[in-house]
Amino acid sequence: MELHNLRPAKGATKSDRRLGRGQGTGTGGTAGRGHKGAKSRSGYSRKRAFEGGQMPLQMRLPKRGFKNINRVEYVGINVARLQDLSEKYNLSEISETTLAAAGIVKKNDKVKVLGNGELSAKLTVSTSAISKSAKEKIEGAGGSVNIG
């Protein structure tokens, strides 16, 4: 077998129907589209989700809720995670840029420090927001918090 005599298996390929090429083909004249009407015209396409005139599903279902355009999304980081980071990278200052450099958050994410876990390291934490319990734990361990 060589490249010049490669062929698909017998019956694997089928030639396209040649529409509108005379009465002898069986698809001459109207080319299988029937007589007149929008569906017989060129350029016809049915509306997406059209149900034959019945009220479409997306219009039968009720509308619910809304999307608040002023919502601020925070990525939550627990105090226990800060403890692990300070031990792993030997850090005393943790900010959103150091978290992004470590691959924990994305560059433009806003971070909120949450109070789950224990903290023994003395840390200076700079963040967008912080919970009351997290602030108490960081300051209890001798650290400080900058919000902004």
Protein backbone atom coordinates (compact mmCIF):
# COMPACT_ATOMS: atom_id res chain seq x y z
CA MET A 1 0.00 0.00 0.00
CA GLU A 2 1.30 3.45 -0.92
CA LEU A 3 0.02 7.00 -0.62
CA HIS A 4 -1.22 7.18 -4.21
CA ASN A 5 -3.59 4.24 -3.82
CA LEU A 6 -5.13 5.05 -0.41
CA ARG A 7 -8.94 5.07 -0.52
CA PRO A 8 -11.75 5.12 2.05
CA ALA A 9 -13.39 1.76 2.78
CA LYS A 10 -16.21 0.72 0.45
CA GLY A 11 -19.47 2.34 1.60
CA ALA A 12 -17.70 4.75 3.98
CA THR A 13 -18.29 7.82 1.82
CA LYS A 14 -21.49 9.00 0.18
CA SER A 15 -21.78 11.73 -2.44
CA ASP A 16 -23.95 14.76 -1.64
CA ARG A 17 -27.41 15.08 -3.16
CA ARG A 18 -27.33 17.49 -6.10
CA LEU A 19 -30.51 19.52 -5.63
CA GLY A 20 -32.35 21.37 -8.38
CA ARG A 21 -30.57 19.70 -11.30
CA GLY A 22 -33.50 18.54 -13.40
CA GLN A 23 -36.60 16.36 -13.04
CA GLY A 24 -34.68 13.12 -13.61
CA THR A 25 -32.86 13.48 -10.28
CA GLY A 26 -36.08 13.51 -8.25
CA THR A 27 -35.02 16.78 -6.61
CA GLY A 28 -35.43 19.10 -9.59
CA GLY A 29 -37.76 22.10 -9.67
CA THR A 30 -38.32 22.83 -5.97
CA ALA A 31 -35.12 21.06 -4.80
CA GLY A 32 -36.92 19.22 -2.02
CA ARG A 33 -38.26 22.40 -0.37
CA GLY A 34 -41.90 22.06 -1.39
CA HIS A 35 -43.94 24.88 -2.98
CA LYS A 36 -43.87 28.54 -1.92
CA GLY A 37 -43.73 29.91 1.64
CA ALA A 38 -40.92 31.24 3.80
CA LYS A 39 -39.22 27.85 4.17
CA SER A 40 -38.79 27.51 0.41
CA ARG A 41 -36.93 30.82 0.07
CA SER A 42 -33.18 31.24 0.21
CA GLY A 43 -31.84 32.75 3.43
CA TYR A 44 -34.62 31.25 5.56
CA SER A 45 -33.70 30.31 9.10
CA ARG A 46 -36.11 29.53 11.94
CA LYS A 47 -35.86 31.58 15.12
CA ARG A 48 -33.82 29.85 17.83
CA ALA A 49 -36.12 28.04 20.33
CA PHE A 50 -39.12 28.51 17.98
CA GLU A 51 -41.86 26.06 18.95
CA GLY A 52 -44.23 26.37 16.03
CA GLY A 53 -46.06 29.41 17.41
CA GLN A 54 -46.48 27.93 20.89
CA MET A 55 -45.19 30.23 23.64
CA PRO A 56 -41.46 29.36 23.91
CA LEU A 57 -40.12 27.79 27.10
CA GLN A 58 -37.95 30.77 28.06
CA MET A 59 -41.07 33.00 27.97
CA ARG A 60 -43.26 30.52 29.91
CA LEU A 61 -40.87 30.38 32.86
CA PRO A 62 -41.06 33.11 35.53
CA LYS A 63 -38.35 35.72 35.95
CA ARG A 64 -36.52 35.63 39.27
CA GLY A 65 -34.01 37.79 41.10
CA PHE A 66 -31.56 40.33 39.76
CA LYS A 67 -27.82 40.87 39.36
CA ASN A 68 -26.50 43.69 41.55
CA ILE A 69 -24.03 45.61 39.40
CA ASN A 70 -22.45 47.21 42.48
CA ARG A 71 -21.63 43.89 44.22
CA VAL A 72 -18.02 43.53 45.36
CA GLU A 73 -16.71 39.96 45.23
CA TYR A 74 -14.06 38.97 47.77
CA VAL A 75 -11.85 35.88 47.83
CA GLY A 76 -11.82 34.46 51.35
CA ILE A 77 -8.50 33.50 52.95
CA ASN A 78 -8.50 31.98 56.43
CA VAL A 79 -6.03 32.84 59.20
CA ALA A 80 -4.82 29.20 59.17
CA ARG A 81 -3.81 29.65 55.51
CA LEU A 82 -1.85 32.79 56.40
CA GLN A 83 -0.03 30.77 59.08
CA ASP A 84 0.89 28.09 56.52
CA LEU A 85 2.11 30.73 54.05
CA SER A 86 4.26 32.49 56.62
CA GLU A 87 5.92 29.16 57.52
CA LYS A 88 6.33 27.98 53.91
CA TYR A 89 7.75 31.21 52.44
CA ASN A 90 9.19 32.63 55.69
CA LEU A 91 7.07 35.81 55.48
CA SER A 92 6.35 38.45 58.10
CA GLU A 93 4.31 40.70 55.76
CA ILE A 94 1.39 39.38 53.72
CA SER A 95 -0.42 41.53 51.17
CA GLU A 96 -2.64 40.92 48.16
CA THR A 97 0.43 41.18 45.89
CA THR A 98 2.31 38.47 47.83
CA LEU A 99 -0.79 36.24 47.69
CA ALA A 100 -0.99 36.79 43.92
CA ALA A 101 2.73 36.02 43.55
CA ALA A 102 2.21 32.76 45.48
CA GLY A 103 -0.62 31.87 43.04
CA ILE A 104 -3.35 31.80 45.70
CA VAL A 105 -5.43 34.64 44.25
CA LYS A 106 -5.52 36.40 40.88
CA LYS A 107 -3.82 39.75 40.40
CA ASN A 108 -6.98 41.91 40.55
CA ASP A 109 -8.91 39.91 43.19
CA LYS A 110 -10.02 41.62 46.39
CA VAL A 111 -9.14 39.55 49.46
CA LYS A 112 -11.03 39.21 52.75
CA VAL A 113 -9.19 37.59 55.64
CA LEU A 114 -11.46 35.27 57.67
CA GLY A 115 -10.95 33.98 61.20
CA ASN A 116 -10.97 30.19 60.81
CA GLY A 117 -7.92 28.45 62.28
CA GLU A 118 -5.08 29.39 64.62
CA LEU A 119 -2.26 31.89 64.17
CA SER A 120 1.04 31.95 66.06
CA ALA A 121 3.21 33.97 63.64
CA LYS A 122 3.57 37.73 64.07
CA LEU A 123 2.28 39.07 60.74
CA THR A 124 1.61 42.42 59.09
CA VAL A 125 -1.43 41.85 56.87
CA SER A 126 -2.51 44.29 54.13
CA THR A 127 -5.88 43.41 52.62
CA SER A 128 -9.15 44.78 51.21
CA ALA A 129 -11.32 43.54 54.09
CA ILE A 130 -11.04 41.51 57.28
CA SER A 131 -13.46 39.89 59.71
CA LYS A 132 -13.55 40.89 63.37
CA SER A 133 -12.36 37.47 64.61
CA ALA A 134 -9.44 37.43 62.14
CA LYS A 135 -8.35 40.91 63.22
CA GLU A 136 -8.43 39.83 66.88
CA LYS A 137 -6.32 36.71 66.13
CA ILE A 138 -3.70 38.64 64.12
CA GLU A 139 -3.40 41.40 66.73
CA GLY A 140 -3.48 38.78 69.52
CA ALA A 141 -0.40 37.14 67.96
CA GLY A 142 1.39 40.52 67.97
CA GLY A 143 0.76 41.40 64.34
CA SER A 144 -0.95 44.36 62.69
CA VAL A 145 -3.63 44.89 60.04
CA ASN A 146 -3.79 47.45 57.21
CA ILE A 147 -7.06 47.78 55.29
CA GLY A 148 -7.13 49.60 52.00
